[in-house]
Amino acid sequence: MNAPRQHVDFSVGLLYLLLGCGSAGVAYGYGLGTPARMGAGFFPFWLGIGLGLLGLGAILRAGSRQRPAQRLEPWAWKPLGWVLGALGLFALLLPTAGLVIASAVLVLVSSRASAQFNWAASLANAAAISLFSALVFVAGLGLPMPLWPTFIG
């Protein structure tokens, strides 16, 4: 097989194929049921199959000679680290610091990944997203999560 001309399409297709097959395999263990009486794994199984088929299509399309060659660019490790670190902090802070503070920290830390980082804009975004999250998830949906740190009440 010739090397794919579209490295981006090939890489994304491989990722979709692996994620789709993996999620379909996990969902299969939940029991599929029938279309008339769906089990817990029915929807995730077929969603995984669909994602895998999309990935297979992208892999096949990557070898097309009708499109110009395109290579993958190197990963931007520093922004990736900021975003993953922000997600980790959110997960650690949510149970003890509450949704408002954890959301604000998530936005402020992940904003550092941008080359156009600005404290004023980040603080405004953090306030808006914290308010929105509190209104939607706690007030609107009634999810049982603390809004504020446990020592505040």
N, C-alpha and C. Protein backbone atom coordinates (compact mmCIF):
# COMPACT_ATOMS: atom_id res chain seq x y z
N MET A 1 0.85 -1.19 0.00
CA MET A 1 0.00 0.00 0.00
C MET A 1 0.88 1.24 0.00
N ASN A 2 0.52 2.21 -0.78
CA ASN A 2 1.27 3.46 -0.83
C ASN A 2 0.99 4.27 0.43
N ALA A 3 1.94 5.14 0.77
CA ALA A 3 1.75 6.01 1.93
C ALA A 3 0.59 6.97 1.65
N PRO A 4 -0.21 7.28 2.66
CA PRO A 4 -1.34 8.19 2.42
C PRO A 4 -0.85 9.59 2.08
N ARG A 5 -1.52 10.22 1.14
CA ARG A 5 -1.15 11.59 0.75
C ARG A 5 -1.66 12.59 1.80
N GLN A 6 -2.76 12.30 2.40
CA GLN A 6 -3.35 13.18 3.40
C GLN A 6 -3.09 12.61 4.79
N HIS A 7 -1.99 12.97 5.41
CA HIS A 7 -1.66 12.45 6.72
C HIS A 7 -2.68 12.86 7.77
N VAL A 8 -3.26 14.04 7.63
CA VAL A 8 -4.26 14.51 8.58
C VAL A 8 -5.50 13.63 8.50
N ASP A 9 -6.01 13.40 7.29
CA ASP A 9 -7.19 12.55 7.13
C ASP A 9 -6.92 11.14 7.63
N PHE A 10 -5.75 10.61 7.33
CA PHE A 10 -5.42 9.27 7.77
C PHE A 10 -5.38 9.18 9.29
N SER A 11 -4.74 10.15 9.94
CA SER A 11 -4.62 10.13 11.40
C SER A 11 -5.98 10.28 12.07
N VAL A 12 -6.79 11.21 11.58
CA VAL A 12 -8.12 11.40 12.15
C VAL A 12 -8.98 10.16 11.90
N GLY A 13 -8.89 9.61 10.71
CA GLY A 13 -9.65 8.40 10.40
C GLY A 13 -9.25 7.24 11.29
N LEU A 14 -7.96 7.08 11.54
CA LEU A 14 -7.50 6.02 12.42
C LEU A 14 -8.01 6.23 13.84
N LEU A 15 -7.97 7.48 14.31
CA LEU A 15 -8.50 7.79 15.64
C LEU A 15 -9.98 7.46 15.73
N TYR A 16 -10.77 7.89 14.75
CA TYR A 16 -12.21 7.59 14.75
C TYR A 16 -12.46 6.10 14.70
N LEU A 17 -11.70 5.39 13.88
CA LEU A 17 -11.87 3.95 13.76
C LEU A 17 -11.59 3.26 15.10
N LEU A 18 -10.50 3.64 15.75
CA LEU A 18 -10.16 3.03 17.03
C LEU A 18 -11.17 3.38 18.12
N LEU A 19 -11.57 4.65 18.21
CA LEU A 19 -12.56 5.05 19.20
C LEU A 19 -13.91 4.39 18.94
N GLY A 20 -14.31 4.34 17.68
CA GLY A 20 -15.60 3.73 17.34
C GLY A 20 -15.63 2.25 17.67
N CYS A 21 -14.58 1.53 17.27
CA CYS A 21 -14.53 0.08 17.55
C CYS A 21 -14.42 -0.16 19.06
N GLY A 22 -13.64 0.65 19.74
CA GLY A 22 -13.50 0.50 21.19
C GLY A 22 -14.81 0.75 21.93
N SER A 23 -15.50 1.82 21.57
CA SER A 23 -16.76 2.11 22.24
C SER A 23 -17.83 1.08 21.88
N ALA A 24 -17.83 0.59 20.65
CA ALA A 24 -18.79 -0.45 20.27
C ALA A 24 -18.50 -1.73 21.05
N GLY A 25 -17.22 -2.05 21.25
CA GLY A 25 -16.87 -3.24 22.01
C GLY A 25 -17.29 -3.14 23.46
N VAL A 26 -17.09 -1.98 24.06
CA VAL A 26 -17.50 -1.78 25.46
C VAL A 26 -19.02 -1.81 25.56
N ALA A 27 -19.71 -1.15 24.64
CA ALA A 27 -21.17 -1.09 24.68
C ALA A 27 -21.79 -2.46 24.46
N TYR A 28 -21.13 -3.31 23.69
CA TYR A 28 -21.64 -4.66 23.44
C TYR A 28 -21.77 -5.45 24.74
N GLY A 29 -20.90 -5.16 25.67
CA GLY A 29 -20.94 -5.84 26.96
C GLY A 29 -22.11 -5.44 27.83
N TYR A 30 -22.77 -4.34 27.52
CA TYR A 30 -23.92 -3.89 28.30
C TYR A 30 -25.21 -4.58 27.90
N GLY A 31 -25.20 -5.26 26.79
CA GLY A 31 -26.42 -5.90 26.30
C GLY A 31 -27.14 -4.97 25.34
N LEU A 32 -27.36 -5.47 24.12
CA LEU A 32 -27.94 -4.62 23.08
C LEU A 32 -29.46 -4.59 23.11
N GLY A 33 -30.07 -5.72 23.36
CA GLY A 33 -31.52 -5.79 23.26
C GLY A 33 -31.94 -5.81 21.80
N THR A 34 -33.13 -5.35 21.54
CA THR A 34 -33.66 -5.29 20.18
C THR A 34 -34.09 -3.86 19.90
N PRO A 35 -34.33 -3.51 18.62
CA PRO A 35 -34.81 -2.15 18.36
C PRO A 35 -36.12 -1.83 19.06
N ALA A 36 -36.97 -2.83 19.28
CA ALA A 36 -38.23 -2.59 19.98
C ALA A 36 -38.03 -2.47 21.49
N ARG A 37 -37.03 -3.15 22.01
CA ARG A 37 -36.75 -3.13 23.45
C ARG A 37 -35.24 -2.98 23.64
N MET A 38 -34.79 -1.75 23.52
CA MET A 38 -33.36 -1.46 23.52
C MET A 38 -32.73 -1.68 24.89
N GLY A 39 -31.54 -2.29 24.85
CA GLY A 39 -30.76 -2.44 26.07
C GLY A 39 -29.86 -1.23 26.27
N ALA A 40 -29.12 -1.25 27.36
CA ALA A 40 -28.26 -0.11 27.71
C ALA A 40 -27.17 0.13 26.67
N GLY A 41 -26.75 -0.90 25.96
CA GLY A 41 -25.66 -0.74 25.01
C GLY A 41 -26.10 -0.52 23.58
N PHE A 42 -27.39 -0.50 23.30
CA PHE A 42 -27.87 -0.42 21.92
C PHE A 42 -27.41 0.86 21.22
N PHE A 43 -27.73 2.00 21.78
CA PHE A 43 -27.37 3.28 21.14
C PHE A 43 -25.86 3.48 21.08
N PRO A 44 -25.12 3.30 22.20
CA PRO A 44 -23.66 3.49 22.10
C PRO A 44 -22.99 2.52 21.13
N PHE A 45 -23.52 1.29 21.03
CA PHE A 45 -22.94 0.32 20.10
C PHE A 45 -23.06 0.83 18.67
N TRP A 46 -24.25 1.21 18.28
CA TRP A 46 -24.44 1.65 16.89
C TRP A 46 -23.78 3.00 16.62
N LEU A 47 -23.69 3.84 17.63
CA LEU A 47 -22.94 5.09 17.48
C LEU A 47 -21.46 4.80 17.25
N GLY A 48 -20.92 3.84 17.99
CA GLY A 48 -19.52 3.44 17.80
C GLY A 48 -19.28 2.84 16.42
N ILE A 49 -20.23 2.02 15.95
CA ILE A 49 -20.11 1.45 14.60
C ILE A 49 -20.11 2.57 13.56
N GLY A 50 -21.00 3.54 13.73
CA GLY A 50 -21.05 4.67 12.79
C GLY A 50 -19.76 5.47 12.81
N LEU A 51 -19.21 5.71 14.00
CA LEU A 51 -17.95 6.45 14.10
C LEU A 51 -16.81 5.67 13.45
N GLY A 52 -16.81 4.36 13.65
CA GLY A 52 -15.79 3.53 13.01
C GLY A 52 -15.89 3.56 11.49
N LEU A 53 -17.10 3.55 10.97
CA LEU A 53 -17.29 3.63 9.52
C LEU A 53 -16.83 4.98 8.97
N LEU A 54 -17.12 6.04 9.71
CA LEU A 54 -16.61 7.37 9.30
C LEU A 54 -15.09 7.37 9.26
N GLY A 55 -14.47 6.76 10.26
CA GLY A 55 -13.02 6.67 10.29
C GLY A 55 -12.47 5.87 9.14
N LEU A 56 -13.13 4.75 8.81
CA LEU A 56 -12.70 3.94 7.69
C LEU A 56 -12.80 4.73 6.38
N GLY A 57 -13.86 5.51 6.24
CA GLY A 57 -14.01 6.35 5.05
C GLY A 57 -12.92 7.40 4.95
N ALA A 58 -12.55 8.00 6.07
CA ALA A 58 -11.48 9.00 6.07
C ALA A 58 -10.14 8.36 5.72
N ILE A 59 -9.91 7.14 6.21
CA ILE A 59 -8.65 6.44 5.89
C ILE A 59 -8.59 6.15 4.39
N LEU A 60 -9.68 5.68 3.84
CA LEU A 60 -9.70 5.38 2.40
C LEU A 60 -9.54 6.65 1.57
N ARG A 61 -10.14 7.72 2.01
CA ARG A 61 -10.05 9.00 1.30
C ARG A 61 -8.65 9.60 1.37
N ALA A 62 -7.90 9.25 2.41
CA ALA A 62 -6.56 9.82 2.59
C ALA A 62 -5.61 9.42 1.47
N GLY A 63 -5.86 8.30 0.81
CA GLY A 63 -4.97 7.86 -0.26
C GLY A 63 -5.34 8.40 -1.62
N SER A 64 -6.34 9.25 -1.68
CA SER A 64 -6.79 9.79 -2.97
C SER A 64 -5.70 10.61 -3.65
N ARG A 65 -5.48 10.35 -4.92
CA ARG A 65 -4.47 11.08 -5.69
C ARG A 65 -5.03 12.39 -6.25
N GLN A 66 -6.31 12.61 -6.09
CA GLN A 66 -6.93 13.82 -6.64
C GLN A 66 -6.77 15.02 -5.71
N ARG A 67 -6.26 14.79 -4.52
CA ARG A 67 -6.10 15.86 -3.55
C ARG A 67 -4.62 16.11 -3.32
N PRO A 68 -4.22 17.33 -3.03
CA PRO A 68 -2.81 17.61 -2.78
C PRO A 68 -2.34 16.95 -1.49
N ALA A 69 -1.08 16.63 -1.43
CA ALA A 69 -0.50 16.01 -0.24
C ALA A 69 -0.51 16.99 0.93
N GLN A 70 -0.73 16.47 2.12
CA GLN A 70 -0.76 17.29 3.32
C GLN A 70 -0.14 16.50 4.46
N ARG A 71 0.80 17.11 5.16
CA ARG A 71 1.47 16.45 6.27
C ARG A 71 0.93 16.97 7.60
N LEU A 72 1.08 16.15 8.63
CA LEU A 72 0.72 16.56 9.98
C LEU A 72 1.73 17.58 10.49
N GLU A 73 1.25 18.57 11.18
CA GLU A 73 2.15 19.53 11.83
C GLU A 73 2.52 18.97 13.20
N PRO A 74 3.65 19.40 13.74
CA PRO A 74 4.01 18.92 15.08
C PRO A 74 2.99 19.38 16.13
N TRP A 75 2.86 18.61 17.17
CA TRP A 75 1.91 18.94 18.23
C TRP A 75 2.36 20.16 19.00
N ALA A 76 1.40 20.96 19.41
CA ALA A 76 1.67 22.11 20.28
C ALA A 76 1.53 21.61 21.72
N TRP A 77 2.64 21.17 22.32
CA TRP A 77 2.60 20.53 23.62
C TRP A 77 2.23 21.48 24.74
N LYS A 78 2.69 22.73 24.67
CA LYS A 78 2.42 23.67 25.76
C LYS A 78 0.92 23.97 25.88
N PRO A 79 0.23 24.35 24.79
CA PRO A 79 -1.22 24.56 24.92
C PRO A 79 -1.97 23.30 25.34
N LEU A 80 -1.54 22.15 24.83
CA LEU A 80 -2.17 20.90 25.23
C LEU A 80 -2.02 20.67 26.73
N GLY A 81 -0.86 20.98 27.26
CA GLY A 81 -0.62 20.85 28.70
C GLY A 81 -1.51 21.77 29.52
N TRP A 82 -1.68 23.02 29.06
CA TRP A 82 -2.56 23.96 29.77
C TRP A 82 -4.00 23.46 29.81
N VAL A 83 -4.49 22.98 28.67
CA VAL A 83 -5.89 22.53 28.61
C VAL A 83 -6.10 21.26 29.44
N LEU A 84 -5.20 20.28 29.31
CA LEU A 84 -5.34 19.06 30.10
C LEU A 84 -5.17 19.33 31.59
N GLY A 85 -4.25 20.22 31.92
CA GLY A 85 -4.08 20.61 33.32
C GLY A 85 -5.33 21.28 33.88
N ALA A 86 -5.96 22.13 33.07
CA ALA A 86 -7.18 22.80 33.51
C ALA A 86 -8.30 21.79 33.76
N LEU A 87 -8.41 20.79 32.89
CA LEU A 87 -9.43 19.75 33.10
C LEU A 87 -9.15 18.95 34.37
N GLY A 88 -7.89 18.63 34.61
CA GLY A 88 -7.53 17.92 35.83
C GLY A 88 -7.84 18.73 37.08
N LEU A 89 -7.51 20.02 37.05
CA LEU A 89 -7.83 20.89 38.18
C LEU A 89 -9.33 20.97 38.42
N PHE A 90 -10.11 21.07 37.35
CA PHE A 90 -11.56 21.11 37.48
C PHE A 90 -12.07 19.86 38.19
N ALA A 91 -11.57 18.70 37.77
CA ALA A 91 -12.01 17.44 38.37
C ALA A 91 -11.62 17.37 39.85
N LEU A 92 -10.45 17.89 40.19
CA LEU A 92 -10.02 17.87 41.59
C LEU A 92 -10.77 18.89 42.44
N LEU A 93 -11.06 20.06 41.88
CA LEU A 93 -11.67 21.13 42.66
C LEU A 93 -13.18 21.01 42.81
N LEU A 94 -13.86 20.41 41.87
CA LEU A 94 -15.32 20.40 41.87
C LEU A 94 -15.93 19.88 43.19
N PRO A 95 -15.49 18.76 43.73
CA PRO A 95 -16.14 18.26 44.95
C PRO A 95 -15.93 19.15 46.18
N THR A 96 -14.78 19.82 46.27
CA THR A 96 -14.49 20.61 47.48
C THR A 96 -14.66 22.11 47.29
N ALA A 97 -14.31 22.64 46.13
CA ALA A 97 -14.37 24.09 45.91
C ALA A 97 -15.71 24.53 45.32
N GLY A 98 -16.47 23.60 44.76
CA GLY A 98 -17.76 23.95 44.20
C GLY A 98 -17.67 24.29 42.73
N LEU A 99 -18.84 24.29 42.09
CA LEU A 99 -18.93 24.49 40.65
C LEU A 99 -18.47 25.88 40.22
N VAL A 100 -18.80 26.90 40.97
CA VAL A 100 -18.46 28.28 40.57
C VAL A 100 -16.95 28.46 40.51
N ILE A 101 -16.26 28.07 41.56
CA ILE A 101 -14.80 28.25 41.60
C ILE A 101 -14.11 27.30 40.63
N ALA A 102 -14.55 26.05 40.57
CA ALA A 102 -13.93 25.08 39.67
C ALA A 102 -14.09 25.51 38.21
N SER A 103 -15.25 26.05 37.85
CA SER A 103 -15.47 26.52 36.48
C SER A 103 -14.58 27.72 36.17
N ALA A 104 -14.46 28.62 37.13
CA ALA A 104 -13.61 29.80 36.92
C ALA A 104 -12.16 29.39 36.74
N VAL A 105 -11.68 28.45 37.55
CA VAL A 105 -10.30 27.97 37.43
C VAL A 105 -10.10 27.28 36.08
N LEU A 106 -11.09 26.48 35.67
CA LEU A 106 -11.01 25.81 34.37
C LEU A 106 -10.82 26.82 33.24
N VAL A 107 -11.61 27.87 33.23
CA VAL A 107 -11.53 28.87 32.17
C VAL A 107 -10.22 29.64 32.23
N LEU A 108 -9.82 30.06 33.43
CA LEU A 108 -8.60 30.86 33.55
C LEU A 108 -7.34 30.07 33.17
N VAL A 109 -7.25 28.82 33.61
CA VAL A 109 -6.06 28.03 33.31
C VAL A 109 -6.04 27.64 31.83
N SER A 110 -7.17 27.22 31.29
CA SER A 110 -7.18 26.82 29.88
C SER A 110 -7.00 28.02 28.95
N SER A 111 -7.36 29.21 29.40
CA SER A 111 -7.14 30.41 28.59
C SER A 111 -5.67 30.68 28.35
N ARG A 112 -4.83 30.20 29.25
CA ARG A 112 -3.38 30.39 29.09
C ARG A 112 -2.83 29.66 27.87
N ALA A 113 -3.61 28.74 27.31
CA ALA A 113 -3.17 28.01 26.12
C ALA A 113 -3.15 28.90 24.89
N SER A 114 -3.88 29.98 24.92
CA SER A 114 -3.98 30.86 23.75
C SER A 114 -2.79 31.82 23.67
N ALA A 115 -2.36 32.08 22.45
CA ALA A 115 -1.29 33.06 22.24
C ALA A 115 -1.80 34.48 22.49
N GLN A 116 -3.11 34.68 22.41
CA GLN A 116 -3.71 35.99 22.63
C GLN A 116 -4.31 36.11 24.04
N PHE A 117 -3.69 35.47 25.02
CA PHE A 117 -4.21 35.48 26.40
C PHE A 117 -4.31 36.91 26.91
N ASN A 118 -5.44 37.20 27.56
CA ASN A 118 -5.71 38.53 28.12
C ASN A 118 -6.44 38.31 29.43
N TRP A 119 -5.90 38.85 30.53
CA TRP A 119 -6.50 38.63 31.85
C TRP A 119 -7.93 39.18 31.93
N ALA A 120 -8.16 40.37 31.40
CA ALA A 120 -9.50 40.97 31.51
C ALA A 120 -10.55 40.11 30.80
N ALA A 121 -10.23 39.69 29.58
CA ALA A 121 -11.18 38.87 28.83
C ALA A 121 -11.36 37.51 29.50
N SER A 122 -10.29 36.94 30.03
CA SER A 122 -10.38 35.64 30.69
C SER A 122 -11.22 35.71 31.96
N LEU A 123 -11.05 36.77 32.73
CA LEU A 123 -11.86 36.94 33.94
C LEU A 123 -13.34 37.13 33.60
N ALA A 124 -13.62 37.89 32.55
CA ALA A 124 -15.01 38.08 32.12
C ALA A 124 -15.61 36.76 31.65
N ASN A 125 -14.85 35.99 30.88
CA ASN A 125 -15.31 34.67 30.44
C ASN A 125 -15.53 33.74 31.62
N ALA A 126 -14.62 33.76 32.57
CA ALA A 126 -14.74 32.89 33.74
C ALA A 126 -16.01 33.21 34.53
N ALA A 127 -16.29 34.49 34.71
CA ALA A 127 -17.51 34.89 35.43
C ALA A 127 -18.76 34.46 34.68
N ALA A 128 -18.76 34.68 33.37
CA ALA A 128 -19.95 34.33 32.58
C ALA A 128 -20.17 32.82 32.55
N ILE A 129 -19.12 32.05 32.37
CA ILE A 129 -19.27 30.60 32.29
C ILE A 129 -19.62 30.01 33.65
N SER A 130 -19.09 30.56 34.72
CA SER A 130 -19.44 30.08 36.06
C SER A 130 -20.92 30.33 36.35
N LEU A 131 -21.40 31.51 36.01
CA LEU A 131 -22.82 31.83 36.20
C LEU A 131 -23.69 30.93 35.34
N PHE A 132 -23.33 30.78 34.08
CA PHE A 132 -24.09 29.94 33.16
C PHE A 132 -24.14 28.49 33.66
N SER A 133 -23.00 27.97 34.09
CA SER A 133 -22.94 26.59 34.58
C SER A 133 -23.82 26.40 35.81
N ALA A 134 -23.77 27.36 36.73
CA ALA A 134 -24.59 27.27 37.93
C ALA A 134 -26.07 27.30 37.59
N LEU A 135 -26.45 28.17 36.67
CA LEU A 135 -27.86 28.27 36.30
C LEU A 135 -28.35 27.02 35.57
N VAL A 136 -27.55 26.51 34.65
CA VAL A 136 -28.00 25.37 33.85
C VAL A 136 -27.95 24.07 34.65
N PHE A 137 -26.79 23.77 35.25
CA PHE A 137 -26.60 22.44 35.83
C PHE A 137 -27.21 22.29 37.23
N VAL A 138 -27.13 23.33 38.05
CA VAL A 138 -27.65 23.20 39.41
C VAL A 138 -29.09 23.70 39.49
N ALA A 139 -29.34 24.94 39.04
CA ALA A 139 -30.69 25.48 39.13
C ALA A 139 -31.63 24.85 38.11
N GLY A 140 -31.19 24.72 36.86
CA GLY A 140 -32.06 24.21 35.81
C GLY A 140 -32.25 22.71 35.83
N LEU A 141 -31.15 21.97 35.83
CA LEU A 141 -31.23 20.51 35.77
C LEU A 141 -31.29 19.86 37.15
N GLY A 142 -30.97 20.60 38.18
CA GLY A 142 -31.03 20.07 39.54
C GLY A 142 -29.97 19.03 39.86
N LEU A 143 -28.80 19.13 39.22
CA LEU A 143 -27.73 18.17 39.49
C LEU A 143 -27.19 18.39 40.91
N PRO A 144 -26.97 17.32 41.63
CA PRO A 144 -26.50 17.45 43.02
C PRO A 144 -25.00 17.70 43.10
N MET A 145 -24.60 18.93 42.89
CA MET A 145 -23.20 19.30 43.03
C MET A 145 -23.13 20.61 43.78
N PRO A 146 -22.09 20.77 44.59
CA PRO A 146 -21.99 22.00 45.38
C PRO A 146 -21.69 23.21 44.49
N LEU A 147 -22.34 24.33 44.81
CA LEU A 147 -22.04 25.57 44.09
C LEU A 147 -20.80 26.25 44.65
N TRP A 148 -20.64 26.18 45.97
CA TRP A 148 -19.57 26.89 46.65
C TRP A 148 -18.74 25.91 47.46
N PRO A 149 -17.59 26.35 47.96
CA PRO A 149 -16.75 25.45 48.77
C PRO A 149 -17.51 24.90 49.98
N THR A 150 -17.12 23.72 50.39
CA THR A 150 -17.84 23.06 51.49
C THR A 150 -17.76 23.83 52.79
N PHE A 151 -16.70 24.60 53.02
CA PHE A 151 -16.59 25.34 54.28
C PHE A 151 -17.48 26.58 54.30
N ILE A 152 -17.97 27.03 53.12
CA ILE A 152 -18.88 28.18 53.07
C ILE A 152 -20.31 27.73 53.32
N GLY A 153 -20.67 26.57 52.78
CA GLY A 153 -22.01 26.04 53.05
C GLY A 153 -22.90 25.95 51.92
